[in-house]
């Protein structure tokens, strides 16, 4: 069983997206169930396609990933991107953005690295 924790920054951004996209919350819950299999610390199985899951940074104690989160009623190019960190049996959701809002991937990658330090350092 994995532990999921939410960074306050993620909670704020997610609240905004939930108001705009009613199915965002169900997308996060579905993703959590998939993570239980994909990131199982004892017996992981690849269930997320490599084209949807991108490793942002790998360090000794954690790995930062970015996922294209499938959300009902959105086209694939509109799917929100969720940055999260994995360390053992803990997954920390860090930040979320959507191309609809024209976010900068590099800036979000840097932001995720900074936010990770509040959980794992």
PDB file of N, CA and C in Angstrom:
ATOM      1  N   UNK A   1       0.842  -1.184   0.000  1.00  0.00           N
ATOM      2  CA  UNK A   1       0.000   0.000   0.000  1.00  0.00           C
ATOM      3  C   UNK A   1       0.889   1.251   0.000  1.00  0.00           C
ATOM      4  N   UNK A   2       0.656   2.119  -0.935  1.00  0.00           N
ATOM      5  CA  UNK A   2       1.433   3.353  -1.043  1.00  0.00           C
ATOM      6  C   UNK A   2       0.815   4.457  -0.191  1.00  0.00           C
ATOM      7  N   UNK A   3       1.658   5.366   0.257  1.00  0.00           N
ATOM      8  CA  UNK A   3       1.198   6.556   0.969  1.00  0.00           C
ATOM      9  C   UNK A   3       1.203   7.719  -0.013  1.00  0.00           C
ATOM     10  N   UNK A   4       0.081   8.398  -0.124  1.00  0.00           N
ATOM     11  CA  UNK A   4      -0.018   9.555  -1.010  1.00  0.00           C
ATOM     12  C   UNK A   4      -0.090  10.811  -0.153  1.00  0.00           C
ATOM     13  N   UNK A   5       0.794  11.759  -0.453  1.00  0.00           N
ATOM     14  CA  UNK A   5       0.762  13.037   0.245  1.00  0.00           C
ATOM     15  C   UNK A   5       0.668  14.150  -0.797  1.00  0.00           C
ATOM     16  N   UNK A   6       0.007  15.211  -0.410  1.00  0.00           N
ATOM     17  CA  UNK A   6      -0.218  16.335  -1.320  1.00  0.00           C
ATOM     18  C   UNK A   6       0.508  17.566  -0.790  1.00  0.00           C
ATOM     19  N   UNK A   7       1.303  18.160  -1.633  1.00  0.00           N
ATOM     20  CA  UNK A   7       1.947  19.419  -1.269  1.00  0.00           C
ATOM     21  C   UNK A   7       0.874  20.510  -1.281  1.00  0.00           C
ATOM     22  N   UNK A   8       0.940  21.479  -0.366  1.00  0.00           N
ATOM     23  CA  UNK A   8      -0.052  22.567  -0.373  1.00  0.00           C
ATOM     24  C   UNK A   8      -0.146  23.283  -1.722  1.00  0.00           C
ATOM     25  N   UNK A   9       0.963  23.391  -2.424  1.00  0.00           N
ATOM     26  CA  UNK A   9       0.960  24.008  -3.757  1.00  0.00           C
ATOM     27  C   UNK A   9       0.090  23.184  -4.710  1.00  0.00           C
ATOM     28  N   UNK A  10       0.225  21.862  -4.641  1.00  0.00           N
ATOM     29  CA  UNK A  10      -0.586  20.984  -5.482  1.00  0.00           C
ATOM     30  C   UNK A  10      -2.061  21.135  -5.130  1.00  0.00           C
ATOM     31  N   UNK A  11      -2.366  21.167  -3.839  1.00  0.00           N
ATOM     32  CA  UNK A  11      -3.763  21.291  -3.413  1.00  0.00           C
ATOM     33  C   UNK A  11      -4.397  22.570  -3.954  1.00  0.00           C
ATOM     34  N   UNK A  12      -3.649  23.663  -3.929  1.00  0.00           N
ATOM     35  CA  UNK A  12      -4.161  24.946  -4.427  1.00  0.00           C
ATOM     36  C   UNK A  12      -4.403  24.885  -5.935  1.00  0.00           C
ATOM     37  N   UNK A  13      -3.416  24.358  -6.682  1.00  0.00           N
ATOM     38  CA  UNK A  13      -3.558  24.260  -8.136  1.00  0.00           C
ATOM     39  C   UNK A  13      -4.664  23.278  -8.514  1.00  0.00           C
ATOM     40  N   UNK A  14      -4.770  22.175  -7.776  1.00  0.00           N
ATOM     41  CA  UNK A  14      -5.795  21.170  -8.060  1.00  0.00           C
ATOM     42  C   UNK A  14      -7.191  21.728  -7.797  1.00  0.00           C
ATOM     43  N   UNK A  15      -7.339  22.530  -6.753  1.00  0.00           N
ATOM     44  CA  UNK A  15      -8.644  23.129  -6.461  1.00  0.00           C
ATOM     45  C   UNK A  15      -9.105  24.001  -7.622  1.00  0.00           C
ATOM     46  N   UNK A  16      -8.182  24.744  -8.194  1.00  0.00           N
ATOM     47  CA  UNK A  16      -8.514  25.583  -9.346  1.00  0.00           C
ATOM     48  C   UNK A  16      -8.936  24.728 -10.539  1.00  0.00           C
ATOM     49  N   UNK A  17      -8.199  23.641 -10.780  1.00  0.00           N
ATOM     50  CA  UNK A  17      -8.538  22.772 -11.915  1.00  0.00           C
ATOM     51  C   UNK A  17      -9.848  22.028 -11.693  1.00  0.00           C
ATOM     52  N   UNK A  18     -10.153  21.676 -10.450  1.00  0.00           N
ATOM     53  CA  UNK A  18     -11.413  20.974 -10.154  1.00  0.00           C
ATOM     54  C   UNK A  18     -12.615  21.848 -10.499  1.00  0.00           C
ATOM     55  N   UNK A  19     -12.472  23.158 -10.287  1.00  0.00           N
ATOM     56  CA  UNK A  19     -13.576  24.066 -10.628  1.00  0.00           C
ATOM     57  C   UNK A  19     -13.766  24.153 -12.141  1.00  0.00           C
ATOM     58  N   UNK A  20     -12.669  24.087 -12.881  1.00  0.00           N
ATOM     59  CA  UNK A  20     -12.741  24.209 -14.340  1.00  0.00           C
ATOM     60  C   UNK A  20     -13.050  22.889 -15.029  1.00  0.00           C
ATOM     61  N   UNK A  21     -12.525  21.794 -14.468  1.00  0.00           N
ATOM     62  CA  UNK A  21     -12.691  20.467 -15.069  1.00  0.00           C
ATOM     63  C   UNK A  21     -13.309  19.539 -14.025  1.00  0.00           C
ATOM     64  N   UNK A  22     -14.619  19.318 -14.084  1.00  0.00           N
ATOM     65  CA  UNK A  22     -15.312  18.541 -13.046  1.00  0.00           C
ATOM     66  C   UNK A  22     -14.777  17.122 -12.851  1.00  0.00           C
ATOM     67  N   UNK A  23     -14.145  16.543 -13.860  1.00  0.00           N
ATOM     68  CA  UNK A  23     -13.680  15.166 -13.742  1.00  0.00           C
ATOM     69  C   UNK A  23     -12.211  15.068 -13.331  1.00  0.00           C
ATOM     70  N   UNK A  24     -11.597  16.183 -12.957  1.00  0.00           N
ATOM     71  CA  UNK A  24     -10.193  16.165 -12.549  1.00  0.00           C
ATOM     72  C   UNK A  24      -9.981  15.280 -11.319  1.00  0.00           C
ATOM     73  N   UNK A  25     -10.856  15.402 -10.326  1.00  0.00           N
ATOM     74  CA  UNK A  25     -10.710  14.619  -9.086  1.00  0.00           C
ATOM     75  C   UNK A  25     -10.782  13.122  -9.359  1.00  0.00           C
ATOM     76  N   UNK A  26     -11.691  12.711 -10.232  1.00  0.00           N
ATOM     77  CA  UNK A  26     -11.785  11.278 -10.546  1.00  0.00           C
ATOM     78  C   UNK A  26     -10.554  10.815 -11.325  1.00  0.00           C
ATOM     79  N   UNK A  27      -9.961  11.696 -12.115  1.00  0.00           N
ATOM     80  CA  UNK A  27      -8.724  11.365 -12.818  1.00  0.00           C
ATOM     81  C   UNK A  27      -7.579  11.120 -11.845  1.00  0.00           C
ATOM     82  N   UNK A  28      -7.495  11.936 -10.800  1.00  0.00           N
ATOM     83  CA  UNK A  28      -6.457  11.758  -9.775  1.00  0.00           C
ATOM     84  C   UNK A  28      -6.669  10.439  -9.038  1.00  0.00           C
ATOM     85  N   UNK A  29      -7.916  10.131  -8.691  1.00  0.00           N
ATOM     86  CA  UNK A  29      -8.196   8.874  -7.980  1.00  0.00           C
ATOM     87  C   UNK A  29      -7.849   7.668  -8.843  1.00  0.00           C
ATOM     88  N   UNK A  30      -8.165   7.729 -10.116  1.00  0.00           N
ATOM     89  CA  UNK A  30      -7.801   6.636 -11.030  1.00  0.00           C
ATOM     90  C   UNK A  30      -6.289   6.496 -11.115  1.00  0.00           C
ATOM     91  N   UNK A  31      -5.599   7.616 -11.178  1.00  0.00           N
ATOM     92  CA  UNK A  31      -4.143   7.588 -11.254  1.00  0.00           C
ATOM     93  C   UNK A  31      -3.538   6.978  -9.987  1.00  0.00           C
ATOM     94  N   UNK A  32      -4.117   7.268  -8.833  1.00  0.00           N
ATOM     95  CA  UNK A  32      -3.625   6.680  -7.583  1.00  0.00           C
ATOM     96  C   UNK A  32      -3.727   5.156  -7.624  1.00  0.00           C
ATOM     97  N   UNK A  33      -4.835   4.642  -8.152  1.00  0.00           N
ATOM     98  CA  UNK A  33      -4.999   3.182  -8.248  1.00  0.00           C
ATOM     99  C   UNK A  33      -3.955   2.581  -9.187  1.00  0.00           C
ATOM    100  N   UNK A  34      -3.667   3.265 -10.279  1.00  0.00           N
ATOM    101  CA  UNK A  34      -2.646   2.784 -11.215  1.00  0.00           C
ATOM    102  C   UNK A  34      -1.267   2.823 -10.556  1.00  0.00           C
ATOM    103  N   UNK A  35      -1.008   3.857  -9.772  1.00  0.00           N
ATOM    104  CA  UNK A  35       0.281   3.971  -9.072  1.00  0.00           C
ATOM    105  C   UNK A  35       0.505   2.815  -8.110  1.00  0.00           C
ATOM    106  N   UNK A  36      -0.567   2.318  -7.499  1.00  0.00           N
ATOM    107  CA  UNK A  36      -0.447   1.190  -6.569  1.00  0.00           C
ATOM    108  C   UNK A  36       0.222   0.000  -7.247  1.00  0.00           C
ATOM    109  N   UNK A  37       0.005  -0.164  -8.535  1.00  0.00           N
ATOM    110  CA  UNK A  37       0.599  -1.275  -9.282  1.00  0.00           C
ATOM    111  C   UNK A  37       1.945  -0.861  -9.877  1.00  0.00           C
ATOM    112  N   UNK A  38       1.973   0.285 -10.524  1.00  0.00           N
ATOM    113  CA  UNK A  38       3.172   0.705 -11.258  1.00  0.00           C
ATOM    114  C   UNK A  38       4.357   0.987 -10.330  1.00  0.00           C
ATOM    115  N   UNK A  39       4.114   1.604  -9.183  1.00  0.00           N
ATOM    116  CA  UNK A  39       5.190   1.987  -8.268  1.00  0.00           C
ATOM    117  C   UNK A  39       5.229   1.128  -7.008  1.00  0.00           C
ATOM    118  N   UNK A  40       4.646  -0.059  -7.056  1.00  0.00           N
ATOM    119  CA  UNK A  40       4.696  -0.978  -5.920  1.00  0.00           C
ATOM    120  C   UNK A  40       6.159  -1.217  -5.548  1.00  0.00           C
ATOM    121  N   UNK A  41       6.552  -0.945  -4.284  1.00  0.00           N
ATOM    122  CA  UNK A  41       7.966  -1.079  -3.928  1.00  0.00           C
ATOM    123  C   UNK A  41       8.474  -2.525  -3.938  1.00  0.00           C
ATOM    124  N   UNK A  42       7.588  -3.500  -3.827  1.00  0.00           N
ATOM    125  CA  UNK A  42       8.005  -4.902  -3.786  1.00  0.00           C
ATOM    126  C   UNK A  42       7.920  -5.562  -5.155  1.00  0.00           C
ATOM    127  N   UNK A  43       6.803  -5.376  -5.837  1.00  0.00           N
ATOM    128  CA  UNK A  43       6.590  -6.044  -7.124  1.00  0.00           C
ATOM    129  C   UNK A  43       5.977  -5.069  -8.136  1.00  0.00           C
ATOM    130  N   UNK A  44       6.764  -4.114  -8.655  1.00  0.00           N
ATOM    131  CA  UNK A  44       6.194  -3.150  -9.614  1.00  0.00           C
ATOM    132  C   UNK A  44       5.931  -3.786 -10.975  1.00  0.00           C
ATOM    133  N   UNK A  45       4.862  -3.327 -11.613  1.00  0.00           N
ATOM    134  CA  UNK A  45       4.528  -3.771 -12.965  1.00  0.00           C
ATOM    135  C   UNK A  45       4.275  -2.528 -13.806  1.00  0.00           C
ATOM    136  N   UNK A  46       4.802  -2.518 -15.010  1.00  0.00           N
ATOM    137  CA  UNK A  46       4.607  -1.357 -15.869  1.00  0.00           C
ATOM    138  C   UNK A  46       3.195  -1.371 -16.431  1.00  0.00           C
ATOM    139  N   UNK A  47       2.393  -0.408 -16.008  1.00  0.00           N
ATOM    140  CA  UNK A  47       1.030  -0.269 -16.513  1.00  0.00           C
ATOM    141  C   UNK A  47       0.805   1.098 -17.152  1.00  0.00           C
ATOM    142  N   UNK A  48       1.759   2.007 -16.968  1.00  0.00           N
ATOM    143  CA  UNK A  48       1.660   3.334 -17.571  1.00  0.00           C
ATOM    144  C   UNK A  48       2.587   3.361 -18.778  1.00  0.00           C
ATOM    145  N   UNK A  49       2.055   3.765 -19.914  1.00  0.00           N
ATOM    146  CA  UNK A  49       2.851   3.810 -21.146  1.00  0.00           C
ATOM    147  C   UNK A  49       4.003   4.805 -20.999  1.00  0.00           C
ATOM    148  N   UNK A  50       5.177   4.450 -21.514  1.00  0.00           N
ATOM    149  CA  UNK A  50       6.325   5.365 -21.428  1.00  0.00           C
ATOM    150  C   UNK A  50       6.070   6.725 -22.077  1.00  0.00           C
ATOM    151  N   UNK A  51       5.173   6.777 -23.030  1.00  0.00           N
ATOM    152  CA  UNK A  51       4.883   8.060 -23.678  1.00  0.00           C
ATOM    153  C   UNK A  51       4.063   8.990 -22.779  1.00  0.00           C
ATOM    154  N   UNK A  52       3.453   8.456 -21.728  1.00  0.00           N
ATOM    155  CA  UNK A  52       2.634   9.259 -20.811  1.00  0.00           C
ATOM    156  C   UNK A  52       3.339   9.581 -19.505  1.00  0.00           C
ATOM    157  N   UNK A  53       4.391   8.821 -19.187  1.00  0.00           N
ATOM    158  CA  UNK A  53       5.121   8.991 -17.937  1.00  0.00           C
ATOM    159  C   UNK A  53       6.552   9.409 -18.254  1.00  0.00           C
ATOM    160  N   UNK A  54       6.972  10.539 -17.715  1.00  0.00           N
ATOM    161  CA  UNK A  54       8.293  11.085 -18.025  1.00  0.00           C
ATOM    162  C   UNK A  54       9.083  11.302 -16.737  1.00  0.00           C
ATOM    163  N   UNK A  55      10.303  10.771 -16.696  1.00  0.00           N
ATOM    164  CA  UNK A  55      11.160  10.995 -15.526  1.00  0.00           C
ATOM    165  C   UNK A  55      11.797  12.372 -15.665  1.00  0.00           C
ATOM    166  N   UNK A  56      11.621  13.195 -14.650  1.00  0.00           N
ATOM    167  CA  UNK A  56      12.158  14.552 -14.648  1.00  0.00           C
ATOM    168  C   UNK A  56      13.542  14.569 -14.015  1.00  0.00           C
ATOM    169  N   UNK A  57      13.670  13.910 -12.859  1.00  0.00           N
ATOM    170  CA  UNK A  57      14.951  13.898 -12.148  1.00  0.00           C
ATOM    171  C   UNK A  57      15.031  12.653 -11.286  1.00  0.00           C
ATOM    172  N   UNK A  58      16.215  12.084 -11.240  1.00  0.00           N
ATOM    173  CA  UNK A  58      16.455  10.910 -10.413  1.00  0.00           C
ATOM    174  C   UNK A  58      17.609  11.223  -9.472  1.00  0.00           C
ATOM    175  N   UNK A  59      17.378  11.089  -8.178  1.00  0.00           N
ATOM    176  CA  UNK A  59      18.450  11.289  -7.205  1.00  0.00           C
ATOM    177  C   UNK A  59      18.577  10.017  -6.368  1.00  0.00           C
ATOM    178  N   UNK A  60      19.461  10.042  -5.386  1.00  0.00           N
ATOM    179  CA  UNK A  60      19.668   8.859  -4.556  1.00  0.00           C
ATOM    180  C   UNK A  60      18.438   8.507  -3.736  1.00  0.00           C
ATOM    181  N   UNK A  61      17.709   9.504  -3.272  1.00  0.00           N
ATOM    182  CA  UNK A  61      16.610   9.228  -2.352  1.00  0.00           C
ATOM    183  C   UNK A  61      15.214   9.322  -2.966  1.00  0.00           C
ATOM    184  N   UNK A  62      15.071   9.925  -4.126  1.00  0.00           N
ATOM    185  CA  UNK A  62      13.743  10.056  -4.727  1.00  0.00           C
ATOM    186  C   UNK A  62      13.864  10.215  -6.235  1.00  0.00           C
ATOM    187  N   UNK A  63      12.736  10.044  -6.907  1.00  0.00           N
ATOM    188  CA  UNK A  63      12.638  10.276  -8.350  1.00  0.00           C
ATOM    189  C   UNK A  63      11.443  11.177  -8.597  1.00  0.00           C
ATOM    190  N   UNK A  64      11.629  12.195  -9.427  1.00  0.00           N
ATOM    191  CA  UNK A  64      10.529  13.090  -9.805  1.00  0.00           C
ATOM    192  C   UNK A  64      10.025  12.663 -11.177  1.00  0.00           C
ATOM    193  N   UNK A  65       8.714  12.526 -11.285  1.00  0.00           N
ATOM    194  CA  UNK A  65       8.060  12.117 -12.528  1.00  0.00           C
ATOM    195  C   UNK A  65       7.033  13.163 -12.935  1.00  0.00           C
ATOM    196  N   UNK A  66       6.691  13.124 -14.222  1.00  0.00           N
ATOM    197  CA  UNK A  66       5.601  13.948 -14.765  1.00  0.00           C
ATOM    198  C   UNK A  66       4.691  13.010 -15.545  1.00  0.00           C
ATOM    199  N   UNK A  67       3.402  13.146 -15.331  1.00  0.00           N
ATOM    200  CA  UNK A  67       2.418  12.299 -16.021  1.00  0.00           C
ATOM    201  C   UNK A  67       1.422  13.188 -16.751  1.00  0.00           C
ATOM    202  N   UNK A  68       0.964  12.713 -17.880  1.00  0.00           N
ATOM    203  CA  UNK A  68      -0.156  13.348 -18.571  1.00  0.00           C
ATOM    204  C   UNK A  68      -1.408  12.676 -18.033  1.00  0.00           C
ATOM    205  N   UNK A  69      -2.134  13.373 -17.188  1.00  0.00           N
ATOM    206  CA  UNK A  69      -3.282  12.814 -16.483  1.00  0.00           C
ATOM    207  C   UNK A  69      -4.519  12.809 -17.368  1.00  0.00           C
ATOM    208  N   UNK A  70      -5.038  11.628 -17.643  1.00  0.00           N
ATOM    209  CA  UNK A  70      -6.247  11.517 -18.458  1.00  0.00           C
ATOM    210  C   UNK A  70      -7.445  12.030 -17.662  1.00  0.00           C
ATOM    211  N   UNK A  71      -8.161  12.969 -18.243  1.00  0.00           N
ATOM    212  CA  UNK A  71      -9.348  13.549 -17.615  1.00  0.00           C
ATOM    213  C   UNK A  71     -10.491  13.484 -18.617  1.00  0.00           C
ATOM    214  N   UNK A  72     -11.601  12.945 -18.154  1.00  0.00           N
ATOM    215  CA  UNK A  72     -12.779  12.807 -19.010  1.00  0.00           C
ATOM    216  C   UNK A  72     -13.206  14.173 -19.560  1.00  0.00           C
ATOM    217  N   UNK A  73     -13.636  14.181 -20.811  1.00  0.00           N
ATOM    218  CA  UNK A  73     -14.136  15.357 -21.537  1.00  0.00           C
ATOM    219  C   UNK A  73     -13.039  16.337 -21.969  1.00  0.00           C
ATOM    220  N   UNK A  74     -11.773  15.926 -21.885  1.00  0.00           N
ATOM    221  CA  UNK A  74     -10.680  16.741 -22.410  1.00  0.00           C
ATOM    222  C   UNK A  74      -9.982  15.975 -23.520  1.00  0.00           C
ATOM    223  N   UNK A  75      -9.491  16.706 -24.509  1.00  0.00           N
ATOM    224  CA  UNK A  75      -8.675  16.066 -25.548  1.00  0.00           C
ATOM    225  C   UNK A  75      -7.292  15.782 -24.973  1.00  0.00           C
ATOM    226  N   UNK A  76      -6.579  14.854 -25.597  1.00  0.00           N
ATOM    227  CA  UNK A  76      -5.285  14.437 -25.042  1.00  0.00           C
ATOM    228  C   UNK A  76      -4.286  15.590 -24.951  1.00  0.00           C
ATOM    229  N   UNK A  77      -4.350  16.546 -25.863  1.00  0.00           N
ATOM    230  CA  UNK A  77      -3.413  17.670 -25.775  1.00  0.00           C
ATOM    231  C   UNK A  77      -3.810  18.670 -24.687  1.00  0.00           C
ATOM    232  N   UNK A  78      -4.989  18.484 -24.078  1.00  0.00           N
ATOM    233  CA  UNK A  78      -5.438  19.349 -22.991  1.00  0.00           C
ATOM    234  C   UNK A  78      -5.238  18.717 -21.616  1.00  0.00           C
ATOM    235  N   UNK A  79      -4.825  17.447 -21.580  1.00  0.00           N
ATOM    236  CA  UNK A  79      -4.668  16.756 -20.301  1.00  0.00           C
ATOM    237  C   UNK A  79      -3.711  17.520 -19.389  1.00  0.00           C
ATOM    238  N   UNK A  80      -4.078  17.668 -18.121  1.00  0.00           N
ATOM    239  CA  UNK A  80      -3.163  18.311 -17.173  1.00  0.00           C
ATOM    240  C   UNK A  80      -1.899  17.477 -16.975  1.00  0.00           C
ATOM    241  N   UNK A  81      -0.804  18.151 -16.717  1.00  0.00           N
ATOM    242  CA  UNK A  81       0.452  17.475 -16.385  1.00  0.00           C
ATOM    243  C   UNK A  81       0.611  17.546 -14.874  1.00  0.00           C
ATOM    244  N   UNK A  82       0.895  16.401 -14.267  1.00  0.00           N
ATOM    245  CA  UNK A  82       1.053  16.318 -12.816  1.00  0.00           C
ATOM    246  C   UNK A  82       2.490  15.916 -12.510  1.00  0.00           C
ATOM    247  N   UNK A  83       3.157  16.695 -11.683  1.00  0.00           N
ATOM    248  CA  UNK A  83       4.508  16.376 -11.243  1.00  0.00           C
ATOM    249  C   UNK A  83       4.402  15.744  -9.860  1.00  0.00           C
ATOM    250  N   UNK A  84       5.101  14.618  -9.680  1.00  0.00           N
ATOM    251  CA  UNK A  84       5.074  13.935  -8.389  1.00  0.00           C
ATOM    252  C   UNK A  84       6.424  13.283  -8.131  1.00  0.00           C
ATOM    253  N   UNK A  85       6.700  13.045  -6.862  1.00  0.00           N
ATOM    254  CA  UNK A  85       7.963  12.422  -6.460  1.00  0.00           C
ATOM    255  C   UNK A  85       7.665  11.082  -5.812  1.00  0.00           C
ATOM    256  N   UNK A  86       8.544  10.115  -6.072  1.00  0.00           N
ATOM    257  CA  UNK A  86       8.398   8.778  -5.507  1.00  0.00           C
ATOM    258  C   UNK A  86       9.637   8.471  -4.681  1.00  0.00           C
ATOM    259  N   UNK A  87       9.387   8.031  -3.470  1.00  0.00           N
ATOM    260  CA  UNK A  87      10.471   7.570  -2.593  1.00  0.00           C
ATOM    261  C   UNK A  87       9.945   6.383  -1.803  1.00  0.00           C
ATOM    262  N   UNK A  88      10.411   5.203  -2.148  1.00  0.00           N
ATOM    263  CA  UNK A  88       9.937   3.994  -1.477  1.00  0.00           C
ATOM    264  C   UNK A  88       8.449   3.811  -1.699  1.00  0.00           C
ATOM    265  N   UNK A  89       7.698   3.760  -0.603  1.00  0.00           N
ATOM    266  CA  UNK A  89       6.250   3.565  -0.676  1.00  0.00           C
ATOM    267  C   UNK A  89       5.491   4.881  -0.535  1.00  0.00           C
ATOM    268  N   UNK A  90       6.167   5.997  -0.760  1.00  0.00           N
ATOM    269  CA  UNK A  90       5.528   7.310  -0.639  1.00  0.00           C
ATOM    270  C   UNK A  90       5.532   8.019  -1.982  1.00  0.00           C
ATOM    271  N   UNK A  91       4.366   8.525  -2.338  1.00  0.00           N
ATOM    272  CA  UNK A  91       4.233   9.348  -3.543  1.00  0.00           C
ATOM    273  C   UNK A  91       3.725  10.717  -3.102  1.00  0.00           C
ATOM    274  N   UNK A  92       4.479  11.740  -3.456  1.00  0.00           N
ATOM    275  CA  UNK A  92       4.126  13.113  -3.101  1.00  0.00           C
ATOM    276  C   UNK A  92       3.723  13.864  -4.362  1.00  0.00           C
ATOM    277  N   UNK A  93       2.473  14.305  -4.422  1.00  0.00           N
ATOM    278  CA  UNK A  93       2.014  15.128  -5.537  1.00  0.00           C
ATOM    279  C   UNK A  93       2.516  16.547  -5.297  1.00  0.00           C
ATOM    280  N   UNK A  94       3.233  17.094  -6.281  1.00  0.00           N
ATOM    281  CA  UNK A  94       3.936  18.362  -6.100  1.00  0.00           C
ATOM    282  C   UNK A  94       3.236  19.551  -6.738  1.00  0.00           C
ATOM    283  N   UNK A  95       2.925  19.438  -8.019  1.00  0.00           N
ATOM    284  CA  UNK A  95       2.297  20.550  -8.727  1.00  0.00           C
ATOM    285  C   UNK A  95       1.579  20.014  -9.959  1.00  0.00           C
ATOM    286  N   UNK A  96       0.717  20.840 -10.507  1.00  0.00           N
ATOM    287  CA  UNK A  96      -0.065  20.455 -11.677  1.00  0.00           C
ATOM    288  C   UNK A  96      -0.261  21.688 -12.550  1.00  0.00           C
ATOM    289  N   UNK A  97      -0.250  21.472 -13.860  1.00  0.00           N
ATOM    290  CA  UNK A  97      -0.464  22.563 -14.816  1.00  0.00           C
ATOM    291  C   UNK A  97      -1.059  21.977 -16.087  1.00  0.00           C
ATOM    292  N   UNK A  98      -1.621  22.839 -16.896  1.00  0.00           N
ATOM    293  CA  UNK A  98      -2.215  22.390 -18.146  1.00  0.00           C
ATOM    294  C   UNK A  98      -1.742  23.281 -19.288  1.00  0.00           C
ATOM    295  N   UNK A  99      -1.620  22.699 -20.461  1.00  0.00           N
ATOM    296  CA  UNK A  99      -1.204  23.482 -21.625  1.00  0.00           C
ATOM    297  C   UNK A  99      -2.267  24.507 -22.017  1.00  0.00           C
ATOM    298  N   UNK A 100      -3.481  24.320 -21.555  1.00  0.00           N
ATOM    299  CA  UNK A 100      -4.523  25.321 -21.791  1.00  0.00           C
ATOM    300  C   UNK A 100      -4.078  26.654 -21.182  1.00  0.00           C
ATOM    301  N   UNK A 101      -3.357  26.569 -20.053  1.00  0.00           N
ATOM    302  CA  UNK A 101      -2.849  27.759 -19.370  1.00  0.00           C
ATOM    303  C   UNK A 101      -1.462  28.161 -19.853  1.00  0.00           C
ATOM    304  N   UNK A 102      -0.959  27.442 -20.876  1.00  0.00           N
ATOM    305  CA  UNK A 102       0.319  27.768 -21.503  1.00  0.00           C
ATOM    306  C   UNK A 102       1.477  27.780 -20.498  1.00  0.00           C
ATOM    307  N   UNK A 103       1.613  26.691 -19.735  1.00  0.00           N
ATOM    308  CA  UNK A 103       2.691  26.609 -18.743  1.00  0.00           C
ATOM    309  C   UNK A 103       4.035  26.321 -19.408  1.00  0.00           C
ATOM    310  N   UNK A 104       5.096  26.628 -18.699  1.00  0.00           N
ATOM    311  CA  UNK A 104       6.460  26.378 -19.170  1.00  0.00           C
ATOM    312  C   UNK A 104       6.972  25.105 -18.494  1.00  0.00           C
ATOM    313  N   UNK A 105       7.245  24.063 -19.284  1.00  0.00           N
ATOM    314  CA  UNK A 105       7.692  22.779 -18.738  1.00  0.00           C
ATOM    315  C   UNK A 105       8.953  22.921 -17.899  1.00  0.00           C
ATOM    316  N   UNK A 106       9.936  23.662 -18.385  1.00  0.00           N
ATOM    317  CA  UNK A 106      11.195  23.804 -17.652  1.00  0.00           C
ATOM    318  C   UNK A 106      10.985  24.496 -16.309  1.00  0.00           C
ATOM    319  N   UNK A 107      10.143  25.502 -16.284  1.00  0.00           N
ATOM    320  CA  UNK A 107       9.859  26.197 -15.029  1.00  0.00           C
ATOM    321  C   UNK A 107       9.135  25.272 -14.058  1.00  0.00           C
ATOM    322  N   UNK A 108       8.219  24.473 -14.568  1.00  0.00           N
ATOM    323  CA  UNK A 108       7.492  23.535 -13.709  1.00  0.00           C
ATOM    324  C   UNK A 108       8.421  22.435 -13.200  1.00  0.00           C
ATOM    325  N   UNK A 109       9.357  21.986 -14.027  1.00  0.00           N
ATOM    326  CA  UNK A 109      10.341  20.987 -13.580  1.00  0.00           C
ATOM    327  C   UNK A 109      11.168  21.541 -12.417  1.00  0.00           C
ATOM    328  N   UNK A 110      11.613  22.780 -12.546  1.00  0.00           N
ATOM    329  CA  UNK A 110      12.396  23.411 -11.472  1.00  0.00           C
ATOM    330  C   UNK A 110      11.546  23.578 -10.210  1.00  0.00           C
ATOM    331  N   UNK A 111      10.300  23.966 -10.400  1.00  0.00           N
ATOM    332  CA  UNK A 111       9.395  24.134  -9.262  1.00  0.00           C
ATOM    333  C   UNK A 111       9.205  22.804  -8.538  1.00  0.00           C
ATOM    334  N   UNK A 112       9.040  21.724  -9.290  1.00  0.00           N
ATOM    335  CA  UNK A 112       8.866  20.397  -8.691  1.00  0.00           C
ATOM    336  C   UNK A 112      10.095  20.001  -7.879  1.00  0.00           C
ATOM    337  N   UNK A 113      11.283  20.309  -8.388  1.00  0.00           N
ATOM    338  CA  UNK A 113      12.514  19.993  -7.647  1.00  0.00           C
ATOM    339  C   UNK A 113      12.559  20.741  -6.319  1.00  0.00           C
ATOM    340  N   UNK A 114      12.183  22.009  -6.340  1.00  0.00           N
ATOM    341  CA  UNK A 114      12.184  22.809  -5.111  1.00  0.00           C
ATOM    342  C   UNK A 114      11.148  22.266  -4.124  1.00  0.00           C
ATOM    343  N   UNK A 115       9.956  21.942  -4.616  1.00  0.00           N
ATOM    344  CA  UNK A 115       8.899  21.442  -3.739  1.00  0.00           C
ATOM    345  C   UNK A 115       9.252  20.082  -3.149  1.00  0.00           C
ATOM    346  N   UNK A 116       9.980  19.270  -3.890  1.00  0.00           N
ATOM    347  CA  UNK A 116      10.369  17.952  -3.396  1.00  0.00           C
ATOM    348  C   UNK A 116      11.237  18.069  -2.153  1.00  0.00           C
ATOM    349  N   UNK A 117      12.071  19.080  -2.110  1.00  0.00           N
ATOM    350  CA  UNK A 117      12.969  19.238  -0.962  1.00  0.00           C
ATOM    351  C   UNK A 117      12.197  19.422   0.344  1.00  0.00           C
ATOM    352  N   UNK A 118      10.972  19.953   0.281  1.00  0.00           N
ATOM    353  CA  UNK A 118      10.186  20.132   1.504  1.00  0.00           C
ATOM    354  C   UNK A 118       9.674  18.799   2.053  1.00  0.00           C
ATOM    355  N   UNK A 119       9.630  17.763   1.220  1.00  0.00           N
ATOM    356  CA  UNK A 119       9.172  16.452   1.677  1.00  0.00           C
ATOM    357  C   UNK A 119      10.312  15.507   2.017  1.00  0.00           C
ATOM    358  N   UNK A 120      11.343  15.476   1.191  1.00  0.00           N
ATOM    359  CA  UNK A 120      12.327  14.405   1.277  1.00  0.00           C
ATOM    360  C   UNK A 120      13.721  14.835   1.707  1.00  0.00           C
ATOM    361  N   UNK A 121      13.921  16.054   2.127  1.00  0.00           N
ATOM    362  CA  UNK A 121      15.256  16.470   2.588  1.00  0.00           C
ATOM    363  C   UNK A 121      15.216  16.911   4.025  1.00  0.00           C
TER     364      UNK A 121
END
